[in-house]
Amino acid sequence: MNLSSLIKITKRGKKRVGRGIGSGKGGHTSGKGNKGQKARTGVNIPSFFEGGQVPIIKRLPQKRGKGNSPTRMPKQIVNLSIFSKFKSGDSVTPKLLGLGSAKVLNKGDIPAGLTLMGFSYSKKALEKIKTAGSFVK
């Protein structure tokens, strides 16, 4: 048998790390560098860990109190004149107008017999609604 007649094997087996000097990946460190936390077995460092320094979440100021929610929508302003397109006897909600939360202000007039639900009102708007003969729930 001649060595040149042997089949050439191109696929190489996986490297066995940490099995001595002859393994091809250094004897005692096995490709993990020198010492330290990440060279040890069973290392599980969370992604937010900053090596022992005070984490960013603790360095930032705390926002306290009501109304600091990032998902909170500010109230939208609605004048009384917007209700003129409704007939008496109708009940109107912010959802019907396509709004989230809304506050009714005094500008304009309101037809009699409307029922308003789910709004917040200014004092003068509330007086005007009641004098016009509309209802608030």
C-alpha atoms as a PDB file:
ATOM      1  CA  MET A   1       0.000   0.000   0.000  1.00  0.00           C
ATOM      2  CA  ASN A   2       1.205   3.433  -0.914  1.00  0.00           C
ATOM      3  CA  LEU A   3       0.474   6.519   1.231  1.00  0.00           C
ATOM      4  CA  SER A   4      -0.550   8.517  -1.856  1.00  0.00           C
ATOM      5  CA  SER A   5      -3.281   6.000  -2.682  1.00  0.00           C
ATOM      6  CA  LEU A   6      -5.105   6.544   0.626  1.00  0.00           C
ATOM      7  CA  ILE A   7      -8.373   8.508   0.602  1.00  0.00           C
ATOM      8  CA  LYS A   8      -7.885  12.086   1.694  1.00  0.00           C
ATOM      9  CA  ILE A   9     -10.053  12.940   4.712  1.00  0.00           C
ATOM     10  CA  THR A  10     -11.115  16.589   4.693  1.00  0.00           C
ATOM     11  CA  LYS A  11     -13.520  16.536   7.637  1.00  0.00           C
ATOM     12  CA  ARG A  12     -11.831  17.149  10.919  1.00  0.00           C
ATOM     13  CA  GLY A  13     -13.210  16.095  14.307  1.00  0.00           C
ATOM     14  CA  LYS A  14     -14.133  18.660  16.936  1.00  0.00           C
ATOM     15  CA  LYS A  15     -11.415  19.916  19.197  1.00  0.00           C
ATOM     16  CA  ARG A  16     -11.417  18.426  22.669  1.00  0.00           C
ATOM     17  CA  VAL A  17     -10.703  21.385  24.882  1.00  0.00           C
ATOM     18  CA  GLY A  18      -8.818  21.021  28.114  1.00  0.00           C
ATOM     19  CA  ARG A  19      -7.344  17.555  27.593  1.00  0.00           C
ATOM     20  CA  GLY A  20      -3.636  18.302  27.920  1.00  0.00           C
ATOM     21  CA  ILE A  21      -0.941  19.998  25.899  1.00  0.00           C
ATOM     22  CA  GLY A  22      -1.408  17.765  22.843  1.00  0.00           C
ATOM     23  CA  SER A  23      -5.063  18.699  22.387  1.00  0.00           C
ATOM     24  CA  GLY A  24      -4.206  21.798  20.359  1.00  0.00           C
ATOM     25  CA  LYS A  25      -5.923  24.148  22.783  1.00  0.00           C
ATOM     26  CA  GLY A  26      -3.336  24.944  25.417  1.00  0.00           C
ATOM     27  CA  GLY A  27      -2.940  22.649  28.344  1.00  0.00           C
ATOM     28  CA  HIS A  28      -4.007  24.323  31.548  1.00  0.00           C
ATOM     29  CA  THR A  29      -6.120  27.308  30.337  1.00  0.00           C
ATOM     30  CA  SER A  30      -7.985  25.553  27.488  1.00  0.00           C
ATOM     31  CA  GLY A  31      -8.564  28.751  25.509  1.00  0.00           C
ATOM     32  CA  LYS A  32     -10.107  30.643  28.427  1.00  0.00           C
ATOM     33  CA  GLY A  33      -7.246  33.052  29.029  1.00  0.00           C
ATOM     34  CA  ASN A  34      -5.705  33.483  32.429  1.00  0.00           C
ATOM     35  CA  LYS A  35      -7.671  33.236  35.664  1.00  0.00           C
ATOM     36  CA  GLY A  36     -10.675  35.377  36.548  1.00  0.00           C
ATOM     37  CA  GLN A  37     -14.398  34.814  36.918  1.00  0.00           C
ATOM     38  CA  LYS A  38     -15.048  33.829  33.293  1.00  0.00           C
ATOM     39  CA  ALA A  39     -12.301  31.197  33.349  1.00  0.00           C
ATOM     40  CA  ARG A  40     -14.093  29.236  36.082  1.00  0.00           C
ATOM     41  CA  THR A  41     -16.682  26.540  35.542  1.00  0.00           C
ATOM     42  CA  GLY A  42     -20.370  27.272  36.045  1.00  0.00           C
ATOM     43  CA  VAL A  43     -20.049  30.980  35.265  1.00  0.00           C
ATOM     44  CA  ASN A  44     -23.394  32.684  34.766  1.00  0.00           C
ATOM     45  CA  ILE A  45     -23.029  36.465  34.746  1.00  0.00           C
ATOM     46  CA  PRO A  46     -26.254  38.373  34.008  1.00  0.00           C
ATOM     47  CA  SER A  47     -26.127  40.780  31.065  1.00  0.00           C
ATOM     48  CA  PHE A  48     -26.893  43.781  33.306  1.00  0.00           C
ATOM     49  CA  PHE A  49     -23.980  43.057  35.685  1.00  0.00           C
ATOM     50  CA  GLU A  50     -21.369  45.820  35.547  1.00  0.00           C
ATOM     51  CA  GLY A  51     -18.491  44.195  37.369  1.00  0.00           C
ATOM     52  CA  GLY A  52     -19.399  45.400  40.837  1.00  0.00           C
ATOM     53  CA  GLN A  53     -19.700  49.118  40.103  1.00  0.00           C
ATOM     54  CA  VAL A  54     -23.022  50.754  40.957  1.00  0.00           C
ATOM     55  CA  PRO A  55     -25.437  49.761  38.159  1.00  0.00           C
ATOM     56  CA  ILE A  56     -26.921  52.360  35.800  1.00  0.00           C
ATOM     57  CA  ILE A  57     -30.424  51.761  37.137  1.00  0.00           C
ATOM     58  CA  LYS A  58     -29.265  52.824  40.615  1.00  0.00           C
ATOM     59  CA  ARG A  59     -27.306  55.812  39.313  1.00  0.00           C
ATOM     60  CA  LEU A  60     -30.323  57.398  37.617  1.00  0.00           C
ATOM     61  CA  PRO A  61     -32.680  59.598  39.651  1.00  0.00           C
ATOM     62  CA  GLN A  62     -35.983  58.139  40.753  1.00  0.00           C
ATOM     63  CA  LYS A  63     -39.125  59.778  39.462  1.00  0.00           C
ATOM     64  CA  ARG A  64     -41.763  59.705  42.123  1.00  0.00           C
ATOM     65  CA  GLY A  65     -45.403  60.593  42.270  1.00  0.00           C
ATOM     66  CA  LYS A  66     -48.479  60.314  40.116  1.00  0.00           C
ATOM     67  CA  GLY A  67     -48.476  60.997  36.402  1.00  0.00           C
ATOM     68  CA  ASN A  68     -44.969  59.837  35.512  1.00  0.00           C
ATOM     69  CA  SER A  69     -46.139  56.796  33.599  1.00  0.00           C
ATOM     70  CA  PRO A  70     -44.691  56.640  30.065  1.00  0.00           C
ATOM     71  CA  THR A  71     -47.948  55.172  28.749  1.00  0.00           C
ATOM     72  CA  ARG A  72     -50.183  57.840  30.282  1.00  0.00           C
ATOM     73  CA  MET A  73     -51.995  59.956  27.698  1.00  0.00           C
ATOM     74  CA  PRO A  74     -52.693  63.603  28.526  1.00  0.00           C
ATOM     75  CA  LYS A  75     -56.327  64.727  28.511  1.00  0.00           C
ATOM     76  CA  GLN A  76     -57.542  66.169  25.250  1.00  0.00           C
ATOM     77  CA  ILE A  77     -59.439  69.448  25.216  1.00  0.00           C
ATOM     78  CA  VAL A  78     -63.008  69.517  23.878  1.00  0.00           C
ATOM     79  CA  ASN A  79     -65.185  72.620  23.630  1.00  0.00           C
ATOM     80  CA  LEU A  80     -68.954  72.620  24.139  1.00  0.00           C
ATOM     81  CA  SER A  81     -69.432  73.634  20.489  1.00  0.00           C
ATOM     82  CA  ILE A  82     -68.460  70.099  19.344  1.00  0.00           C
ATOM     83  CA  PHE A  83     -71.703  68.732  20.820  1.00  0.00           C
ATOM     84  CA  SER A  84     -73.881  70.882  18.519  1.00  0.00           C
ATOM     85  CA  LYS A  85     -73.887  68.136  15.857  1.00  0.00           C
ATOM     86  CA  PHE A  86     -75.727  65.725  18.206  1.00  0.00           C
ATOM     87  CA  LYS A  87     -79.532  65.643  18.653  1.00  0.00           C
ATOM     88  CA  SER A  88     -81.271  65.896  21.989  1.00  0.00           C
ATOM     89  CA  GLY A  89     -81.636  62.538  23.707  1.00  0.00           C
ATOM     90  CA  ASP A  90     -78.252  61.268  22.447  1.00  0.00           C
ATOM     91  CA  SER A  91     -75.642  60.032  24.876  1.00  0.00           C
ATOM     92  CA  VAL A  92     -72.084  61.098  24.062  1.00  0.00           C
ATOM     93  CA  THR A  93     -68.848  59.487  25.256  1.00  0.00           C
ATOM     94  CA  PRO A  94     -65.199  60.291  24.481  1.00  0.00           C
ATOM     95  CA  LYS A  95     -64.985  57.002  22.571  1.00  0.00           C
ATOM     96  CA  LEU A  96     -67.826  58.146  20.294  1.00  0.00           C
ATOM     97  CA  LEU A  97     -65.778  61.244  19.446  1.00  0.00           C
ATOM     98  CA  GLY A  98     -62.648  59.125  18.869  1.00  0.00           C
ATOM     99  CA  LEU A  99     -60.813  60.376  21.943  1.00  0.00           C
ATOM    100  CA  GLY A 100     -59.110  58.752  24.920  1.00  0.00           C
ATOM    101  CA  SER A 101     -59.728  60.880  27.985  1.00  0.00           C
ATOM    102  CA  ALA A 102     -61.111  64.364  27.389  1.00  0.00           C
ATOM    103  CA  LYS A 103     -61.947  67.521  29.318  1.00  0.00           C
ATOM    104  CA  VAL A 104     -64.883  69.708  28.294  1.00  0.00           C
ATOM    105  CA  LEU A 105     -64.302  73.469  28.342  1.00  0.00           C
ATOM    106  CA  ASN A 106     -66.801  76.346  28.279  1.00  0.00           C
ATOM    107  CA  LYS A 107     -66.386  77.619  24.687  1.00  0.00           C
ATOM    108  CA  GLY A 108     -69.580  77.390  22.614  1.00  0.00           C
ATOM    109  CA  ASP A 109     -73.137  76.220  23.262  1.00  0.00           C
ATOM    110  CA  ILE A 110     -74.653  72.806  23.919  1.00  0.00           C
ATOM    111  CA  PRO A 111     -78.081  71.564  22.788  1.00  0.00           C
ATOM    112  CA  ALA A 112     -80.629  70.580  25.440  1.00  0.00           C
ATOM    113  CA  GLY A 113     -81.278  66.961  26.358  1.00  0.00           C
ATOM    114  CA  LEU A 114     -77.817  65.498  25.728  1.00  0.00           C
ATOM    115  CA  THR A 115     -76.296  62.997  28.131  1.00  0.00           C
ATOM    116  CA  LEU A 116     -72.523  63.292  28.559  1.00  0.00           C
ATOM    117  CA  MET A 117     -70.608  60.351  30.030  1.00  0.00           C
ATOM    118  CA  GLY A 118     -66.913  59.773  30.762  1.00  0.00           C
ATOM    119  CA  PHE A 119     -65.688  63.347  30.415  1.00  0.00           C
ATOM    120  CA  SER A 120     -64.141  65.651  32.970  1.00  0.00           C
ATOM    121  CA  TYR A 121     -65.471  69.206  33.032  1.00  0.00           C
ATOM    122  CA  SER A 122     -64.396  72.719  33.902  1.00  0.00           C
ATOM    123  CA  LYS A 123     -66.626  74.492  36.454  1.00  0.00           C
ATOM    124  CA  LYS A 124     -68.101  76.936  33.954  1.00  0.00           C
ATOM    125  CA  ALA A 125     -68.720  74.207  31.368  1.00  0.00           C
ATOM    126  CA  LEU A 126     -70.565  72.145  33.972  1.00  0.00           C
ATOM    127  CA  GLU A 127     -72.781  75.134  34.859  1.00  0.00           C
ATOM    128  CA  LYS A 128     -73.536  75.779  31.179  1.00  0.00           C
ATOM    129  CA  ILE A 129     -74.420  72.104  30.574  1.00  0.00           C
ATOM    130  CA  LYS A 130     -76.864  72.026  33.488  1.00  0.00           C
ATOM    131  CA  THR A 131     -78.504  75.369  32.581  1.00  0.00           C
ATOM    132  CA  ALA A 132     -78.975  74.128  28.995  1.00  0.00           C
ATOM    133  CA  GLY A 133     -80.897  71.104  30.306  1.00  0.00           C
ATOM    134  CA  SER A 134     -78.328  68.415  29.459  1.00  0.00           C
ATOM    135  CA  PHE A 135     -77.212  65.676  31.811  1.00  0.00           C
ATOM    136  CA  VAL A 136     -73.860  64.564  33.160  1.00  0.00           C
ATOM    137  CA  LYS A 137     -73.069  61.034  34.338  1.00  0.00           C
END
